[in-house]
């Protein structure tokens, strides 16, 4: 490994974790399930299930 200044090691550390975080967010975003809203006419309204 080359001799780097401590500030450059900090930058490399931050760059690595930013890359890991952004790739995990991209993978999560691409595999996310998209929920479609169901029209209210096809839904049967059962009322409020909570007792308050």
PDB file of N, CA and C in Angstrom:
ATOM      1  N   UNK A   1       0.838  -1.183   0.000  1.00  0.00           N
ATOM      2  CA  UNK A   1       0.000   0.000   0.000  1.00  0.00           C
ATOM      3  C   UNK A   1       0.886   1.249   0.000  1.00  0.00           C
ATOM      4  N   UNK A   2       0.469   2.235  -0.763  1.00  0.00           N
ATOM      5  CA  UNK A   2       1.289   3.460  -0.799  1.00  0.00           C
ATOM      6  C   UNK A   2       1.163   4.261   0.493  1.00  0.00           C
ATOM      7  N   UNK A   3       2.127   5.091   0.704  1.00  0.00           N
ATOM      8  CA  UNK A   3       2.103   5.954   1.883  1.00  0.00           C
ATOM      9  C   UNK A   3       1.136   7.108   1.633  1.00  0.00           C
ATOM     10  N   UNK A   4       0.040   7.120   2.381  1.00  0.00           N
ATOM     11  CA  UNK A   4      -0.945   8.178   2.237  1.00  0.00           C
ATOM     12  C   UNK A   4      -1.014   8.978   3.528  1.00  0.00           C
ATOM     13  N   UNK A   5      -1.420  10.201   3.370  1.00  0.00           N
ATOM     14  CA  UNK A   5      -1.592  11.028   4.564  1.00  0.00           C
ATOM     15  C   UNK A   5      -2.829  10.551   5.328  1.00  0.00           C
ATOM     16  N   UNK A   6      -2.895  10.833   6.613  1.00  0.00           N
ATOM     17  CA  UNK A   6      -4.060  10.400   7.397  1.00  0.00           C
ATOM     18  C   UNK A   6      -5.387  10.953   6.864  1.00  0.00           C
ATOM     19  N   UNK A   7      -5.352  12.153   6.319  1.00  0.00           N
ATOM     20  CA  UNK A   7      -6.569  12.721   5.757  1.00  0.00           C
ATOM     21  C   UNK A   7      -7.041  11.921   4.540  1.00  0.00           C
ATOM     22  N   UNK A   8      -6.113  11.454   3.725  1.00  0.00           N
ATOM     23  CA  UNK A   8      -6.474  10.636   2.571  1.00  0.00           C
ATOM     24  C   UNK A   8      -7.033   9.281   3.008  1.00  0.00           C
ATOM     25  N   UNK A   9      -6.528   8.699   4.106  1.00  0.00           N
ATOM     26  CA  UNK A   9      -7.090   7.453   4.620  1.00  0.00           C
ATOM     27  C   UNK A   9      -8.521   7.656   5.099  1.00  0.00           C
ATOM     28  N   UNK A  10      -8.763   8.800   5.725  1.00  0.00           N
ATOM     29  CA  UNK A  10     -10.133   9.115   6.160  1.00  0.00           C
ATOM     30  C   UNK A  10     -11.041   9.262   4.949  1.00  0.00           C
ATOM     31  N   UNK A  11     -10.574   9.931   3.908  1.00  0.00           N
ATOM     32  CA  UNK A  11     -11.367  10.071   2.688  1.00  0.00           C
ATOM     33  C   UNK A  11     -11.643   8.726   2.027  1.00  0.00           C
ATOM     34  N   UNK A  12     -10.647   7.853   2.004  1.00  0.00           N
ATOM     35  CA  UNK A  12     -10.844   6.525   1.426  1.00  0.00           C
ATOM     36  C   UNK A  12     -11.845   5.715   2.247  1.00  0.00           C
ATOM     37  N   UNK A  13     -11.759   5.820   3.570  1.00  0.00           N
ATOM     38  CA  UNK A  13     -12.690   5.131   4.444  1.00  0.00           C
ATOM     39  C   UNK A  13     -14.117   5.614   4.200  1.00  0.00           C
ATOM     40  N   UNK A  14     -14.301   6.944   4.127  1.00  0.00           N
ATOM     41  CA  UNK A  14     -15.626   7.495   3.876  1.00  0.00           C
ATOM     42  C   UNK A  14     -16.129   7.127   2.485  1.00  0.00           C
ATOM     43  N   UNK A  15     -15.255   7.150   1.500  1.00  0.00           N
ATOM     44  CA  UNK A  15     -15.655   6.801   0.143  1.00  0.00           C
ATOM     45  C   UNK A  15     -16.094   5.351   0.057  1.00  0.00           C
ATOM     46  N   UNK A  16     -15.390   4.459   0.756  1.00  0.00           N
ATOM     47  CA  UNK A  16     -15.763   3.046   0.763  1.00  0.00           C
ATOM     48  C   UNK A  16     -17.149   2.854   1.354  1.00  0.00           C
ATOM     49  N   UNK A  17     -17.426   3.463   2.524  1.00  0.00           N
ATOM     50  CA  UNK A  17     -18.712   3.257   3.171  1.00  0.00           C
ATOM     51  C   UNK A  17     -19.855   3.953   2.443  1.00  0.00           C
ATOM     52  N   UNK A  18     -19.559   5.073   1.788  1.00  0.00           N
ATOM     53  CA  UNK A  18     -20.582   5.722   0.963  1.00  0.00           C
ATOM     54  C   UNK A  18     -20.924   4.849  -0.234  1.00  0.00           C
ATOM     55  N   UNK A  19     -19.920   4.200  -0.832  1.00  0.00           N
ATOM     56  CA  UNK A  19     -20.170   3.298  -1.958  1.00  0.00           C
ATOM     57  C   UNK A  19     -20.970   2.074  -1.513  1.00  0.00           C
ATOM     58  N   UNK A  20     -20.629   1.503  -0.349  1.00  0.00           N
ATOM     59  CA  UNK A  20     -21.370   0.346   0.161  1.00  0.00           C
ATOM     60  C   UNK A  20     -22.814   0.734   0.465  1.00  0.00           C
ATOM     61  N   UNK A  21     -23.012   1.871   1.099  1.00  0.00           N
ATOM     62  CA  UNK A  21     -24.354   2.315   1.437  1.00  0.00           C
ATOM     63  C   UNK A  21     -25.183   2.618   0.190  1.00  0.00           C
ATOM     64  N   UNK A  22     -24.586   3.268  -0.786  1.00  0.00           N
ATOM     65  CA  UNK A  22     -25.344   3.595  -1.996  1.00  0.00           C
ATOM     66  C   UNK A  22     -25.690   2.343  -2.794  1.00  0.00           C
ATOM     67  N   UNK A  23     -24.779   1.358  -2.839  1.00  0.00           N
ATOM     68  CA  UNK A  23     -25.103   0.116  -3.544  1.00  0.00           C
ATOM     69  C   UNK A  23     -26.201  -0.658  -2.827  1.00  0.00           C
ATOM     70  N   UNK A  24     -26.188  -0.664  -1.502  1.00  0.00           N
ATOM     71  CA  UNK A  24     -27.250  -1.367  -0.781  1.00  0.00           C
ATOM     72  C   UNK A  24     -28.590  -0.664  -0.958  1.00  0.00           C
ATOM     73  N   UNK A  25     -28.592   0.663  -1.008  1.00  0.00           N
ATOM     74  CA  UNK A  25     -29.831   1.396  -1.255  1.00  0.00           C
ATOM     75  C   UNK A  25     -30.333   1.129  -2.665  1.00  0.00           C
ATOM     76  N   UNK A  26     -29.432   1.085  -3.641  1.00  0.00           N
ATOM     77  CA  UNK A  26     -29.847   0.790  -5.018  1.00  0.00           C
ATOM     78  C   UNK A  26     -30.406  -0.619  -5.145  1.00  0.00           C
ATOM     79  N   UNK A  27     -29.781  -1.581  -4.480  1.00  0.00           N
ATOM     80  CA  UNK A  27     -30.306  -2.948  -4.527  1.00  0.00           C
ATOM     81  C   UNK A  27     -31.655  -3.043  -3.837  1.00  0.00           C
ATOM     82  N   UNK A  28     -31.818  -2.344  -2.706  1.00  0.00           N
ATOM     83  CA  UNK A  28     -33.107  -2.351  -2.018  1.00  0.00           C
ATOM     84  C   UNK A  28     -34.176  -1.682  -2.869  1.00  0.00           C
ATOM     85  N   UNK A  29     -33.824  -0.565  -3.527  1.00  0.00           N
ATOM     86  CA  UNK A  29     -34.792   0.173  -4.330  1.00  0.00           C
ATOM     87  C   UNK A  29     -35.218  -0.631  -5.554  1.00  0.00           C
ATOM     88  N   UNK A  30     -34.285  -1.379  -6.144  1.00  0.00           N
ATOM     89  CA  UNK A  30     -34.627  -2.135  -7.346  1.00  0.00           C
ATOM     90  C   UNK A  30     -35.447  -3.378  -7.024  1.00  0.00           C
ATOM     91  N   UNK A  31     -35.330  -3.905  -5.804  1.00  0.00           N
ATOM     92  CA  UNK A  31     -36.092  -5.097  -5.444  1.00  0.00           C
ATOM     93  C   UNK A  31     -37.340  -4.770  -4.636  1.00  0.00           C
ATOM     94  N   UNK A  32     -37.690  -3.484  -4.530  1.00  0.00           N
ATOM     95  CA  UNK A  32     -38.828  -3.059  -3.727  1.00  0.00           C
ATOM     96  C   UNK A  32     -40.125  -3.469  -4.419  1.00  0.00           C
ATOM     97  N   UNK A  33     -41.109  -3.871  -3.627  1.00  0.00           N
ATOM     98  CA  UNK A  33     -42.406  -4.265  -4.163  1.00  0.00           C
ATOM     99  C   UNK A  33     -43.252  -3.011  -4.305  1.00  0.00           C
ATOM    100  N   UNK A  34     -43.811  -2.825  -5.483  1.00  0.00           N
ATOM    101  CA  UNK A  34     -44.668  -1.677  -5.720  1.00  0.00           C
ATOM    102  C   UNK A  34     -46.116  -2.075  -5.482  1.00  0.00           C
ATOM    103  N   UNK A  35     -46.762  -1.368  -4.576  1.00  0.00           N
ATOM    104  CA  UNK A  35     -48.153  -1.638  -4.266  1.00  0.00           C
ATOM    105  C   UNK A  35     -49.033  -0.717  -5.105  1.00  0.00           C
ATOM    106  N   UNK A  36     -50.007  -1.315  -5.769  1.00  0.00           N
ATOM    107  CA  UNK A  36     -50.939  -0.523  -6.561  1.00  0.00           C
ATOM    108  C   UNK A  36     -52.193  -0.280  -5.738  1.00  0.00           C
ATOM    109  N   UNK A  37     -52.736   0.902  -5.884  1.00  0.00           N
ATOM    110  CA  UNK A  37     -53.958   1.207  -5.146  1.00  0.00           C
ATOM    111  C   UNK A  37     -55.140   0.521  -5.827  1.00  0.00           C
ATOM    112  N   UNK A  38     -55.947  -0.136  -5.021  1.00  0.00           N
ATOM    113  CA  UNK A  38     -57.113  -0.846  -5.524  1.00  0.00           C
ATOM    114  C   UNK A  38     -58.282   0.135  -5.566  1.00  0.00           C
ATOM    115  N   UNK A  39     -59.038   0.161  -6.648  1.00  0.00           N
ATOM    116  CA  UNK A  39     -60.192   1.071  -6.690  1.00  0.00           C
ATOM    117  C   UNK A  39     -61.179   0.768  -5.571  1.00  0.00           C
ATOM    118  N   UNK A  40     -61.842   1.792  -5.080  1.00  0.00           N
ATOM    119  CA  UNK A  40     -62.735   1.619  -3.940  1.00  0.00           C
ATOM    120  C   UNK A  40     -63.988   0.838  -4.317  1.00  0.00           C
ATOM    121  N   UNK A  41     -64.333   0.801  -5.603  1.00  0.00           N
ATOM    122  CA  UNK A  41     -65.536   0.076  -5.988  1.00  0.00           C
ATOM    123  C   UNK A  41     -65.350  -1.434  -5.852  1.00  0.00           C
ATOM    124  N   UNK A  42     -64.115  -1.926  -6.036  1.00  0.00           N
ATOM    125  CA  UNK A  42     -63.886  -3.359  -5.929  1.00  0.00           C
ATOM    126  C   UNK A  42     -63.593  -3.806  -4.500  1.00  0.00           C
ATOM    127  N   UNK A  43     -63.357  -2.850  -3.609  1.00  0.00           N
ATOM    128  CA  UNK A  43     -63.087  -3.195  -2.222  1.00  0.00           C
ATOM    129  C   UNK A  43     -64.395  -3.227  -1.444  1.00  0.00           C
ATOM    130  N   UNK A  44     -64.486  -4.177  -0.545  1.00  0.00           N
ATOM    131  CA  UNK A  44     -65.667  -4.215   0.319  1.00  0.00           C
ATOM    132  C   UNK A  44     -65.307  -3.558   1.644  1.00  0.00           C
ATOM    133  N   UNK A  45     -66.017  -2.511   1.987  1.00  0.00           N
ATOM    134  CA  UNK A  45     -65.737  -1.771   3.209  1.00  0.00           C
ATOM    135  C   UNK A  45     -66.362  -2.494   4.387  1.00  0.00           C
ATOM    136  N   UNK A  46     -65.534  -2.933   5.310  1.00  0.00           N
ATOM    137  CA  UNK A  46     -66.017  -3.711   6.449  1.00  0.00           C
ATOM    138  C   UNK A  46     -66.179  -2.868   7.705  1.00  0.00           C
ATOM    139  N   UNK A  47     -65.876  -1.610   7.626  1.00  0.00           N
ATOM    140  CA  UNK A  47     -66.007  -0.754   8.798  1.00  0.00           C
ATOM    141  C   UNK A  47     -64.737  -0.730   9.617  1.00  0.00           C
ATOM    142  N   UNK A  48     -64.805  -0.020  10.716  1.00  0.00           N
ATOM    143  CA  UNK A  48     -63.652   0.146  11.579  1.00  0.00           C
ATOM    144  C   UNK A  48     -63.507  -1.084  12.470  1.00  0.00           C
ATOM    145  N   UNK A  49     -62.339  -1.719  12.414  1.00  0.00           N
ATOM    146  CA  UNK A  49     -62.133  -2.896  13.232  1.00  0.00           C
ATOM    147  C   UNK A  49     -61.682  -2.544  14.656  1.00  0.00           C
ATOM    148  N   UNK A  50     -61.312  -1.278  14.875  1.00  0.00           N
ATOM    149  CA  UNK A  50     -60.885  -0.855  16.200  1.00  0.00           C
ATOM    150  C   UNK A  50     -62.113  -0.417  16.984  1.00  0.00           C
ATOM    151  N   UNK A  51     -62.085  -0.609  18.280  1.00  0.00           N
ATOM    152  CA  UNK A  51     -63.221  -0.307  19.130  1.00  0.00           C
ATOM    153  C   UNK A  51     -63.133   1.063  19.779  1.00  0.00           C
ATOM    154  N   UNK A  52     -62.583   2.027  19.104  1.00  0.00           N
ATOM    155  CA  UNK A  52     -62.534   3.363  19.667  1.00  0.00           C
ATOM    156  C   UNK A  52     -62.805   4.398  18.599  1.00  0.00           C
TER     157      UNK A  52
END
